[in-house]
Amino acid sequence: MSREQIDFLGQVLMSGVRDQSITFWEKLIEGKMRGSMSKKINESYSTEQLEILSYIISQVVDTTLHNLLWTIEQEDKIHLKVQLDDEEIDIKRASDGLAGELYTEDGWIVKYSEKRYIEP
């Protein structure tokens, strides 16, 4: 049953962190946010440059998630537990590698994220 808890963590991180972060920055660079920064970015760059920036943003978010998961896994003083119903598991022990859960054709990004890589 540990796969269920691991995947629950993946769903939460993909929707609450990855998708929300990418969406925020997409709206900012598309000029859909109020404020001078959004306006300046949207007016200062070409469509092609904004597409490249959008791709870079998704890569930065993924690198940050990767480094967070790697750091949690490597730090002995951090314990990450997920409880579903009455079963609680230590995610670090249940996973073969937390950072690796992000990738592959059946990783968290593919399975749970609404944001896909769109290479420029």
N, C-alpha and C. Protein backbone atom coordinates (compact mmCIF):
# COMPACT_ATOMS: atom_id res chain seq x y z
N MET A 1 0.83 -1.21 0.00
CA MET A 1 0.00 0.00 0.00
C MET A 1 0.86 1.26 0.00
N SER A 2 2.17 1.11 0.13
CA SER A 2 3.03 2.30 0.17
C SER A 2 2.99 3.08 -1.15
N ARG A 3 2.72 2.41 -2.26
CA ARG A 3 2.63 3.11 -3.55
C ARG A 3 1.53 4.16 -3.51
N GLU A 4 0.45 3.85 -2.82
CA GLU A 4 -0.67 4.79 -2.71
C GLU A 4 -0.23 6.08 -1.99
N GLN A 5 0.52 5.95 -0.92
CA GLN A 5 1.00 7.12 -0.19
C GLN A 5 2.04 7.89 -1.00
N ILE A 6 2.93 7.18 -1.68
CA ILE A 6 3.93 7.83 -2.51
C ILE A 6 3.24 8.63 -3.61
N ASP A 7 2.26 8.02 -4.25
CA ASP A 7 1.54 8.70 -5.32
C ASP A 7 0.69 9.86 -4.80
N PHE A 8 0.17 9.74 -3.61
CA PHE A 8 -0.57 10.85 -3.01
C PHE A 8 0.36 12.06 -2.85
N LEU A 9 1.56 11.82 -2.34
CA LEU A 9 2.54 12.91 -2.21
C LEU A 9 2.82 13.51 -3.58
N GLY A 10 2.97 12.67 -4.58
CA GLY A 10 3.21 13.15 -5.93
C GLY A 10 2.08 14.01 -6.45
N GLN A 11 0.85 13.59 -6.23
CA GLN A 11 -0.31 14.38 -6.66
C GLN A 11 -0.32 15.75 -6.00
N VAL A 12 -0.06 15.78 -4.71
CA VAL A 12 -0.05 17.05 -3.97
C VAL A 12 1.06 17.97 -4.48
N LEU A 13 2.25 17.42 -4.66
CA LEU A 13 3.37 18.25 -5.13
C LEU A 13 3.16 18.73 -6.56
N MET A 14 2.61 17.89 -7.42
CA MET A 14 2.42 18.29 -8.82
C MET A 14 1.33 19.36 -8.95
N SER A 15 0.23 19.19 -8.25
CA SER A 15 -0.85 20.18 -8.38
C SER A 15 -0.60 21.42 -7.52
N GLY A 16 -0.13 21.23 -6.31
CA GLY A 16 0.02 22.35 -5.39
C GLY A 16 1.30 23.13 -5.52
N VAL A 17 2.34 22.51 -6.06
CA VAL A 17 3.63 23.20 -6.19
C VAL A 17 3.98 23.38 -7.67
N ARG A 18 4.13 22.29 -8.40
CA ARG A 18 4.58 22.41 -9.79
C ARG A 18 3.59 23.21 -10.64
N ASP A 19 2.35 22.74 -10.72
CA ASP A 19 1.37 23.40 -11.59
C ASP A 19 1.08 24.83 -11.15
N GLN A 20 0.98 25.05 -9.85
CA GLN A 20 0.69 26.40 -9.36
C GLN A 20 1.85 27.35 -9.66
N SER A 21 3.07 26.88 -9.49
CA SER A 21 4.24 27.74 -9.75
C SER A 21 4.35 28.07 -11.24
N ILE A 22 4.22 27.07 -12.08
CA ILE A 22 4.32 27.31 -13.52
C ILE A 22 3.19 28.21 -13.98
N THR A 23 1.98 27.98 -13.51
CA THR A 23 0.83 28.81 -13.90
C THR A 23 1.06 30.26 -13.51
N PHE A 24 1.54 30.50 -12.30
CA PHE A 24 1.81 31.87 -11.87
C PHE A 24 2.75 32.58 -12.83
N TRP A 25 3.88 31.93 -13.14
CA TRP A 25 4.87 32.56 -14.01
C TRP A 25 4.38 32.67 -15.45
N GLU A 26 3.60 31.71 -15.91
CA GLU A 26 3.01 31.84 -17.25
C GLU A 26 2.12 33.07 -17.33
N LYS A 27 1.27 33.23 -16.34
CA LYS A 27 0.39 34.41 -16.32
C LYS A 27 1.20 35.70 -16.26
N LEU A 28 2.27 35.68 -15.50
CA LEU A 28 3.11 36.86 -15.38
C LEU A 28 3.73 37.22 -16.72
N ILE A 29 4.32 36.24 -17.40
CA ILE A 29 5.00 36.56 -18.66
C ILE A 29 4.01 36.80 -19.81
N GLU A 30 2.78 36.34 -19.66
CA GLU A 30 1.75 36.60 -20.68
C GLU A 30 1.05 37.94 -20.47
N GLY A 31 1.42 38.65 -19.41
CA GLY A 31 0.83 39.95 -19.14
C GLY A 31 -0.55 39.85 -18.52
N LYS A 32 -0.89 38.71 -17.95
CA LYS A 32 -2.22 38.51 -17.37
C LYS A 32 -2.28 38.84 -15.88
N MET A 33 -1.17 39.26 -15.33
CA MET A 33 -1.12 39.63 -13.93
C MET A 33 -1.02 41.15 -13.85
N ARG A 34 -1.61 41.69 -12.81
CA ARG A 34 -1.47 43.12 -12.59
C ARG A 34 -0.08 43.41 -12.06
N GLY A 35 0.37 44.57 -12.35
CA GLY A 35 1.67 44.97 -11.82
C GLY A 35 2.64 45.30 -12.93
N SER A 36 3.61 46.08 -12.56
CA SER A 36 4.56 46.59 -13.54
C SER A 36 5.48 45.50 -14.09
N MET A 37 5.82 44.52 -13.28
CA MET A 37 6.74 43.47 -13.74
C MET A 37 6.11 42.68 -14.89
N SER A 38 4.86 42.29 -14.73
CA SER A 38 4.16 41.53 -15.77
C SER A 38 4.08 42.34 -17.06
N LYS A 39 3.72 43.58 -16.93
CA LYS A 39 3.59 44.46 -18.10
C LYS A 39 4.94 44.64 -18.79
N LYS A 40 5.97 44.86 -18.00
CA LYS A 40 7.31 45.09 -18.55
C LYS A 40 7.81 43.85 -19.29
N ILE A 41 7.64 42.68 -18.69
CA ILE A 41 8.08 41.44 -19.32
C ILE A 41 7.34 41.23 -20.64
N ASN A 42 6.03 41.37 -20.60
CA ASN A 42 5.22 41.14 -21.78
C ASN A 42 5.54 42.10 -22.91
N GLU A 43 5.86 43.32 -22.58
CA GLU A 43 6.16 44.33 -23.60
C GLU A 43 7.61 44.29 -24.09
N SER A 44 8.50 43.71 -23.31
CA SER A 44 9.92 43.77 -23.62
C SER A 44 10.44 42.62 -24.46
N TYR A 45 9.71 41.54 -24.55
CA TYR A 45 10.23 40.35 -25.22
C TYR A 45 9.32 39.91 -26.36
N SER A 46 9.93 39.28 -27.36
CA SER A 46 9.18 38.74 -28.49
C SER A 46 8.43 37.48 -28.07
N THR A 47 7.52 37.05 -28.91
CA THR A 47 6.77 35.82 -28.64
C THR A 47 7.72 34.64 -28.48
N GLU A 48 8.72 34.57 -29.35
CA GLU A 48 9.70 33.48 -29.27
C GLU A 48 10.47 33.53 -27.96
N GLN A 49 10.87 34.71 -27.54
CA GLN A 49 11.60 34.84 -26.28
C GLN A 49 10.72 34.45 -25.10
N LEU A 50 9.44 34.81 -25.14
CA LEU A 50 8.52 34.45 -24.07
C LEU A 50 8.30 32.94 -24.01
N GLU A 51 8.29 32.28 -25.17
CA GLU A 51 8.16 30.82 -25.20
C GLU A 51 9.38 30.16 -24.57
N ILE A 52 10.55 30.68 -24.87
CA ILE A 52 11.78 30.16 -24.27
C ILE A 52 11.77 30.39 -22.77
N LEU A 53 11.35 31.56 -22.35
CA LEU A 53 11.26 31.87 -20.93
C LEU A 53 10.29 30.93 -20.23
N SER A 54 9.16 30.65 -20.85
CA SER A 54 8.18 29.73 -20.28
C SER A 54 8.77 28.34 -20.10
N TYR A 55 9.52 27.88 -21.08
CA TYR A 55 10.17 26.57 -20.98
C TYR A 55 11.20 26.57 -19.85
N ILE A 56 11.99 27.62 -19.77
CA ILE A 56 13.00 27.71 -18.71
C ILE A 56 12.33 27.69 -17.34
N ILE A 57 11.21 28.37 -17.21
CA ILE A 57 10.50 28.39 -15.93
C ILE A 57 10.10 26.98 -15.51
N SER A 58 9.57 26.19 -16.42
CA SER A 58 9.19 24.81 -16.07
C SER A 58 10.41 24.01 -15.64
N GLN A 59 11.55 24.25 -16.28
CA GLN A 59 12.77 23.54 -15.92
C GLN A 59 13.27 23.96 -14.54
N VAL A 60 13.17 25.25 -14.23
CA VAL A 60 13.59 25.75 -12.91
C VAL A 60 12.70 25.15 -11.82
N VAL A 61 11.40 25.11 -12.05
CA VAL A 61 10.48 24.52 -11.08
C VAL A 61 10.82 23.04 -10.86
N ASP A 62 11.07 22.31 -11.93
CA ASP A 62 11.39 20.89 -11.80
C ASP A 62 12.73 20.66 -11.11
N THR A 63 13.70 21.50 -11.41
CA THR A 63 14.99 21.39 -10.73
C THR A 63 14.84 21.65 -9.23
N THR A 64 14.03 22.64 -8.89
CA THR A 64 13.79 22.95 -7.48
C THR A 64 13.10 21.79 -6.78
N LEU A 65 12.08 21.21 -7.40
CA LEU A 65 11.42 20.04 -6.81
C LEU A 65 12.40 18.88 -6.65
N HIS A 66 13.19 18.64 -7.68
CA HIS A 66 14.19 17.57 -7.63
C HIS A 66 15.14 17.78 -6.45
N ASN A 67 15.67 19.00 -6.32
CA ASN A 67 16.62 19.28 -5.25
C ASN A 67 15.97 19.20 -3.87
N LEU A 68 14.73 19.62 -3.76
CA LEU A 68 14.01 19.49 -2.50
C LEU A 68 13.87 18.02 -2.11
N LEU A 69 13.41 17.20 -3.05
CA LEU A 69 13.22 15.78 -2.76
C LEU A 69 14.55 15.08 -2.47
N TRP A 70 15.59 15.41 -3.21
CA TRP A 70 16.91 14.84 -3.00
C TRP A 70 17.43 15.21 -1.60
N THR A 71 17.27 16.47 -1.23
CA THR A 71 17.75 16.93 0.07
C THR A 71 17.00 16.24 1.20
N ILE A 72 15.69 16.13 1.08
CA ILE A 72 14.89 15.43 2.09
C ILE A 72 15.37 13.99 2.23
N GLU A 73 15.61 13.35 1.10
CA GLU A 73 16.04 11.96 1.13
C GLU A 73 17.41 11.79 1.77
N GLN A 74 18.30 12.73 1.56
CA GLN A 74 19.67 12.62 2.06
C GLN A 74 19.83 13.02 3.52
N GLU A 75 18.90 13.81 4.02
CA GLU A 75 19.03 14.33 5.39
C GLU A 75 18.41 13.36 6.39
N ASP A 76 19.25 12.78 7.23
CA ASP A 76 18.78 11.79 8.21
C ASP A 76 17.86 12.38 9.28
N LYS A 77 17.95 13.67 9.51
CA LYS A 77 17.14 14.29 10.55
C LYS A 77 15.75 14.70 10.07
N ILE A 78 15.49 14.52 8.78
CA ILE A 78 14.17 14.82 8.24
C ILE A 78 13.44 13.51 7.98
N HIS A 79 12.24 13.41 8.54
CA HIS A 79 11.39 12.23 8.34
C HIS A 79 10.10 12.69 7.68
N LEU A 80 9.77 12.08 6.57
CA LEU A 80 8.59 12.45 5.82
C LEU A 80 7.62 11.28 5.82
N LYS A 81 6.49 11.50 6.46
CA LYS A 81 5.49 10.45 6.57
C LYS A 81 4.20 10.91 5.92
N VAL A 82 3.52 9.98 5.28
CA VAL A 82 2.21 10.24 4.68
C VAL A 82 1.24 9.22 5.26
N GLN A 83 0.09 9.72 5.71
CA GLN A 83 -0.93 8.86 6.29
C GLN A 83 -2.20 8.95 5.44
N LEU A 84 -2.63 7.80 4.96
CA LEU A 84 -3.91 7.69 4.28
C LEU A 84 -4.73 6.68 5.05
N ASP A 85 -5.95 7.06 5.36
CA ASP A 85 -6.79 6.24 6.23
C ASP A 85 -6.04 5.99 7.53
N ASP A 86 -5.81 4.76 7.90
CA ASP A 86 -5.12 4.48 9.16
C ASP A 86 -3.66 4.07 8.95
N GLU A 87 -3.22 4.03 7.72
CA GLU A 87 -1.86 3.58 7.45
C GLU A 87 -0.93 4.76 7.20
N GLU A 88 0.14 4.81 8.00
CA GLU A 88 1.16 5.85 7.85
C GLU A 88 2.45 5.18 7.43
N ILE A 89 3.12 5.77 6.43
CA ILE A 89 4.40 5.20 6.01
C ILE A 89 5.46 6.30 5.95
N ASP A 90 6.70 5.87 6.08
CA ASP A 90 7.85 6.74 5.90
C ASP A 90 8.17 6.73 4.40
N ILE A 91 7.92 7.84 3.75
CA ILE A 91 8.07 7.95 2.30
C ILE A 91 9.51 7.69 1.87
N LYS A 92 10.47 8.15 2.63
CA LYS A 92 11.88 7.95 2.26
C LYS A 92 12.22 6.47 2.20
N ARG A 93 11.67 5.68 3.07
CA ARG A 93 11.95 4.24 3.07
C ARG A 93 11.17 3.51 1.98
N ALA A 94 9.99 4.00 1.68
CA ALA A 94 9.13 3.33 0.72
C ALA A 94 9.54 3.57 -0.73
N SER A 95 10.19 4.70 -0.99
CA SER A 95 10.57 5.06 -2.35
C SER A 95 11.98 4.60 -2.65
N ASP A 96 12.23 4.24 -3.90
CA ASP A 96 13.58 3.90 -4.35
C ASP A 96 14.45 5.14 -4.48
N GLY A 97 13.81 6.29 -4.52
CA GLY A 97 14.51 7.56 -4.66
C GLY A 97 13.48 8.64 -4.92
N LEU A 98 13.28 9.51 -3.96
CA LEU A 98 12.22 10.51 -4.07
C LEU A 98 12.35 11.38 -5.32
N ALA A 99 13.55 11.87 -5.61
CA ALA A 99 13.72 12.74 -6.78
C ALA A 99 13.39 11.99 -8.06
N GLY A 100 13.69 10.72 -8.11
CA GLY A 100 13.40 9.92 -9.30
C GLY A 100 11.91 9.71 -9.54
N GLU A 101 11.09 9.91 -8.51
CA GLU A 101 9.64 9.77 -8.66
C GLU A 101 9.07 10.80 -9.64
N LEU A 102 9.80 11.89 -9.87
CA LEU A 102 9.32 12.94 -10.77
C LEU A 102 9.32 12.50 -12.23
N TYR A 103 10.29 11.69 -12.60
CA TYR A 103 10.58 11.47 -14.01
C TYR A 103 10.07 10.13 -14.53
N THR A 104 10.36 9.85 -15.75
CA THR A 104 10.00 8.65 -16.52
C THR A 104 8.58 8.75 -17.04
N GLU A 105 8.25 7.80 -17.88
CA GLU A 105 6.92 7.81 -18.50
C GLU A 105 5.80 7.53 -17.51
N ASP A 106 6.12 7.02 -16.34
CA ASP A 106 5.08 6.83 -15.32
C ASP A 106 5.41 7.58 -14.03
N GLY A 107 6.23 8.63 -14.15
CA GLY A 107 6.60 9.45 -13.00
C GLY A 107 5.51 10.45 -12.65
N TRP A 108 5.71 11.16 -11.58
CA TRP A 108 4.71 12.10 -11.08
C TRP A 108 4.36 13.20 -12.07
N ILE A 109 5.35 13.71 -12.79
CA ILE A 109 5.07 14.79 -13.73
C ILE A 109 4.08 14.32 -14.80
N VAL A 110 4.35 13.18 -15.38
CA VAL A 110 3.47 12.64 -16.43
C VAL A 110 2.11 12.24 -15.86
N LYS A 111 2.12 11.60 -14.70
CA LYS A 111 0.87 11.08 -14.14
C LYS A 111 -0.03 12.16 -13.54
N TYR A 112 0.55 13.17 -12.92
CA TYR A 112 -0.27 14.08 -12.10
C TYR A 112 -0.22 15.56 -12.47
N SER A 113 0.75 15.97 -13.25
CA SER A 113 0.85 17.39 -13.56
C SER A 113 0.01 17.73 -14.78
N GLU A 114 -0.66 18.87 -14.72
CA GLU A 114 -1.41 19.37 -15.87
C GLU A 114 -0.50 20.16 -16.81
N LYS A 115 0.68 20.52 -16.35
CA LYS A 115 1.61 21.31 -17.14
C LYS A 115 2.60 20.38 -17.83
N ARG A 116 2.65 20.45 -19.13
CA ARG A 116 3.55 19.63 -19.91
C ARG A 116 4.70 20.48 -20.43
N TYR A 117 5.81 19.83 -20.70
CA TYR A 117 6.95 20.53 -21.30
C TYR A 117 6.56 20.92 -22.72
N ILE A 118 6.75 22.16 -23.02
CA ILE A 118 6.57 22.62 -24.39
C ILE A 118 7.90 23.27 -24.78
N GLU A 119 8.70 22.50 -25.51
CA GLU A 119 10.02 23.03 -25.87
C GLU A 119 9.85 24.09 -26.94
N PRO A 120 10.63 25.15 -26.82
CA PRO A 120 10.54 26.24 -27.80
C PRO A 120 11.07 25.81 -29.18
